[in-house]
Amino acid sequence: MSHETGLVEGDRIRTESRFGCDDYNLEMFRDCLGYFKTDQHRTAGDFTPVCELYGFGAGSGNGYLSNYGEYIINPVALWMQLPRIAEGAP
């Protein structure tokens, strides 16, 4: 279980893009929690980890470290957690 996000394998999340909303089931891949966007992504090993789903939001800003570069101060989650689907549900 990820103590930072409260997400675990099997949870569902919704992300938004300019094309609409997409729902994904989270899974573990190489000890990382995230999802594959399509079956083609799965075949190619193109995995999207949850850690890449943070970005700018209300109260966020830019920071800079000389030996690291630019980073986001107070990043927000860019997903919405959905309820789990009960087993055996239509």
Foldseek 3Di string as FASTA:
>chain_A
DDPVPPDDQQWKKWAADPVGIDIFGWHADPNFIFGQRDVVCVVVVVTDGQVVQWDDDVPKDWDQDPVPGIDIDPTDGRIGTDDGDDPPDD
